[in-house]
Amino acid sequence: MDVHTDVAKQIDGIRKDPLASALNTADYKYSSATPRGWTFVGDSDEPLDQSIFDFVKPKSSAKKPHSQPVPKIVMTDSHAILEQFTEDEIWAIKEMLKSWQESAPTIEMEPTLHDRIKQLPQEKKTRKTIVIDQSIGERSDVFCEAERLNKSDILHLALADFMDKFE
């Protein structure tokens, strides 16, 4: 096996010939003389922070018929899998997902109710009598019992959120 095949096997989604072509497109040339390997010969900066897939040329549409691919059924141990995408489509989908994951901002998860209660300040408490509808009181009782929460903590969070929004 040659070096192209070895490298192509380590990169998911590319074969030997497209890899060699992509490297040539990226201005790398292969030398079989000592020292053996790929050398950058381009006039501009070496594209070290680019994906090799940026240099892979799409297959010519002239070679493929314009009809829809016929889905194949692949049998695994006990399951039949319907392959509805061609290898090129799967590669394109993987590349889209990869670029979306790289460019997606990290999403900060909102803390859970239990986490928010744990973060409540331990200040001096005061007793306040409130009057609420019986149905809200019953819903609160059921919720707090099911979640094993203190009603005072729930009211504290609800009032704090209300005050932050309208104060």
Protein backbone atom coordinates (compact mmCIF):
# COMPACT_ATOMS: atom_id res chain seq x y z
CA MET A 1 0.00 0.00 0.00
CA ASP A 2 1.24 3.52 -0.74
CA VAL A 3 1.20 6.61 1.47
CA HIS A 4 -1.93 8.03 -0.25
CA THR A 5 -3.96 4.97 0.61
CA ASP A 6 -2.72 4.96 4.22
CA VAL A 7 -3.61 8.63 4.73
CA ALA A 8 -6.96 8.32 2.93
CA LYS A 9 -7.93 5.45 5.23
CA GLN A 10 -7.36 7.70 8.24
CA ILE A 11 -9.59 10.50 6.88
CA ASP A 12 -13.26 9.60 6.93
CA GLY A 13 -15.00 10.48 3.68
CA ILE A 14 -12.12 10.59 1.18
CA ARG A 15 -10.38 8.06 -1.05
CA LYS A 16 -6.82 7.88 -2.34
CA ASP A 17 -7.27 9.60 -5.73
CA PRO A 18 -9.45 12.52 -4.54
CA LEU A 19 -6.97 13.03 -1.66
CA ALA A 20 -4.01 13.26 -4.05
CA SER A 21 -5.98 15.57 -6.33
CA ALA A 22 -6.99 17.79 -3.38
CA LEU A 23 -3.39 18.03 -2.19
CA ASN A 24 -2.29 19.00 -5.71
CA THR A 25 -5.05 21.64 -5.82
CA ALA A 26 -3.77 23.00 -2.48
CA ASP A 27 -0.31 23.45 -4.13
CA TYR A 28 1.35 20.41 -2.59
CA LYS A 29 3.52 18.14 -4.74
CA TYR A 30 4.51 14.58 -3.95
CA SER A 31 8.10 13.51 -4.31
CA SER A 32 9.07 9.84 -4.31
CA ALA A 33 12.73 10.83 -4.08
CA THR A 34 14.39 11.07 -0.68
CA PRO A 35 13.03 12.71 1.42
CA ARG A 36 9.72 11.19 0.36
CA GLY A 37 6.45 12.97 0.87
CA TRP A 38 4.30 15.98 0.17
CA THR A 39 5.89 19.43 -0.01
CA PHE A 40 4.12 22.77 -0.27
CA VAL A 41 5.19 24.53 -3.49
CA GLY A 42 2.63 27.34 -3.66
CA ASP A 43 3.37 31.05 -3.94
CA SER A 44 0.97 32.06 -1.13
CA ASP A 45 0.80 30.99 2.52
CA GLU A 46 0.51 27.30 3.26
CA PRO A 47 -3.19 26.47 3.96
CA LEU A 48 -2.58 24.82 7.34
CA ASP A 49 -5.87 25.87 8.92
CA GLN A 50 -8.08 24.72 6.04
CA SER A 51 -9.78 21.37 5.72
CA ILE A 52 -8.55 19.06 2.99
CA PHE A 53 -12.20 18.83 1.92
CA ASP A 54 -12.04 22.50 0.86
CA PHE A 55 -9.78 21.34 -1.98
CA VAL A 56 -11.69 18.23 -3.06
CA LYS A 57 -13.20 18.80 -6.47
CA PRO A 58 -16.84 17.80 -6.84
CA LYS A 59 -17.41 14.92 -9.19
CA SER A 60 -18.44 15.89 -12.68
CA SER A 61 -22.19 15.79 -13.20
CA ALA A 62 -21.61 14.77 -16.82
CA LYS A 63 -20.57 11.31 -15.68
CA LYS A 64 -23.73 10.77 -13.62
CA PRO A 65 -27.25 10.48 -14.95
CA HIS A 66 -29.65 13.17 -13.73
CA SER A 67 -32.11 10.64 -12.36
CA GLN A 68 -32.71 10.08 -8.68
CA PRO A 69 -30.53 7.38 -7.13
CA VAL A 70 -32.34 4.15 -6.45
CA PRO A 71 -32.30 3.44 -2.72
CA LYS A 72 -30.45 0.28 -1.75
CA ILE A 73 -31.37 -2.02 1.09
CA VAL A 74 -28.39 -3.07 3.17
CA MET A 75 -28.77 -5.97 5.57
CA THR A 76 -26.97 -5.82 8.91
CA ASP A 77 -27.09 -8.44 11.67
CA SER A 78 -30.84 -8.26 12.17
CA HIS A 79 -31.90 -4.98 10.60
CA ALA A 80 -32.53 -3.84 7.06
CA ILE A 81 -31.29 -0.31 6.44
CA LEU A 82 -32.63 1.70 3.54
CA GLU A 83 -29.79 3.74 2.05
CA GLN A 84 -31.43 6.80 0.58
CA PHE A 85 -28.35 8.94 0.09
CA THR A 86 -25.38 8.49 -2.22
CA GLU A 87 -21.86 8.55 -0.78
CA ASP A 88 -21.39 12.09 -2.12
CA GLU A 89 -24.60 13.26 -0.42
CA ILE A 90 -23.57 11.67 2.87
CA TRP A 91 -20.16 13.34 2.61
CA ALA A 92 -21.82 16.72 1.90
CA ILE A 93 -24.18 16.30 4.87
CA LYS A 94 -21.27 15.41 7.15
CA GLU A 95 -19.38 18.50 5.97
CA MET A 96 -22.42 20.74 6.58
CA LEU A 97 -22.84 19.36 10.09
CA LYS A 98 -19.13 19.80 10.78
CA SER A 99 -19.17 23.44 9.65
CA TRP A 100 -22.36 24.18 11.63
CA GLN A 101 -20.86 22.66 14.76
CA GLU A 102 -17.68 24.71 14.33
CA SER A 103 -19.54 27.96 13.74
CA ALA A 104 -22.42 27.45 16.19
CA PRO A 105 -22.12 29.58 19.29
CA THR A 106 -21.96 27.60 22.46
CA ILE A 107 -25.41 27.54 23.96
CA GLU A 108 -25.49 28.17 27.65
CA MET A 109 -28.07 26.00 29.29
CA GLU A 110 -30.50 27.71 31.62
CA PRO A 111 -30.03 26.39 35.15
CA THR A 112 -32.64 23.94 36.37
CA LEU A 113 -35.14 24.89 39.04
CA HIS A 114 -33.22 22.86 41.61
CA ASP A 115 -29.95 24.59 40.62
CA ARG A 116 -31.56 28.00 40.98
CA ILE A 117 -32.88 27.12 44.42
CA LYS A 118 -29.40 25.98 45.48
CA GLN A 119 -28.08 29.40 44.41
CA LEU A 120 -30.57 31.38 46.51
CA PRO A 121 -28.83 33.72 48.94
CA GLN A 122 -28.95 32.65 52.57
CA GLU A 123 -30.21 35.94 53.98
CA LYS A 124 -32.35 36.76 56.98
CA LYS A 125 -35.91 35.60 56.31
CA THR A 126 -39.17 37.41 57.01
CA ARG A 127 -42.68 36.02 57.25
CA LYS A 128 -45.26 37.50 54.85
CA THR A 129 -48.86 36.41 54.60
CA ILE A 130 -50.18 36.21 51.06
CA VAL A 131 -53.64 35.50 49.72
CA ILE A 132 -53.87 33.53 46.46
CA ASP A 133 -56.59 31.65 44.60
CA GLN A 134 -57.28 28.22 46.03
CA SER A 135 -56.57 26.52 42.67
CA ILE A 136 -53.11 28.14 42.45
CA GLY A 137 -52.41 27.12 46.06
CA GLU A 138 -53.39 23.51 45.32
CA ARG A 139 -51.29 23.42 42.14
CA SER A 140 -48.36 24.82 44.12
CA ASP A 141 -48.82 22.18 46.83
CA VAL A 142 -48.91 19.34 44.30
CA PHE A 143 -45.91 20.68 42.36
CA CYS A 144 -43.76 21.27 45.45
CA GLU A 145 -44.57 17.84 46.85
CA ALA A 146 -43.83 16.09 43.53
CA GLU A 147 -40.55 17.97 43.05
CA ARG A 148 -39.67 17.86 46.75
CA LEU A 149 -39.31 21.63 46.93
CA ASN A 150 -40.01 24.17 49.63
CA LYS A 151 -42.93 26.50 48.77
CA SER A 152 -41.01 29.46 50.18
CA ASP A 153 -38.17 28.84 47.73
CA ILE A 154 -40.58 28.67 44.79
CA LEU A 155 -42.26 31.92 45.84
CA HIS A 156 -38.85 33.53 46.36
CA LEU A 157 -37.80 32.66 42.77
CA ALA A 158 -41.17 33.68 41.30
CA LEU A 159 -41.13 37.04 43.05
CA ALA A 160 -37.46 37.65 42.21
CA ASP A 161 -38.13 36.93 38.50
CA PHE A 162 -41.19 39.20 38.59
CA MET A 163 -39.25 42.02 40.26
CA ASP A 164 -36.34 41.67 37.83
CA LYS A 165 -38.74 41.94 34.92
CA PHE A 166 -41.02 44.76 36.12
CA GLU A 167 -39.17 46.72 38.76
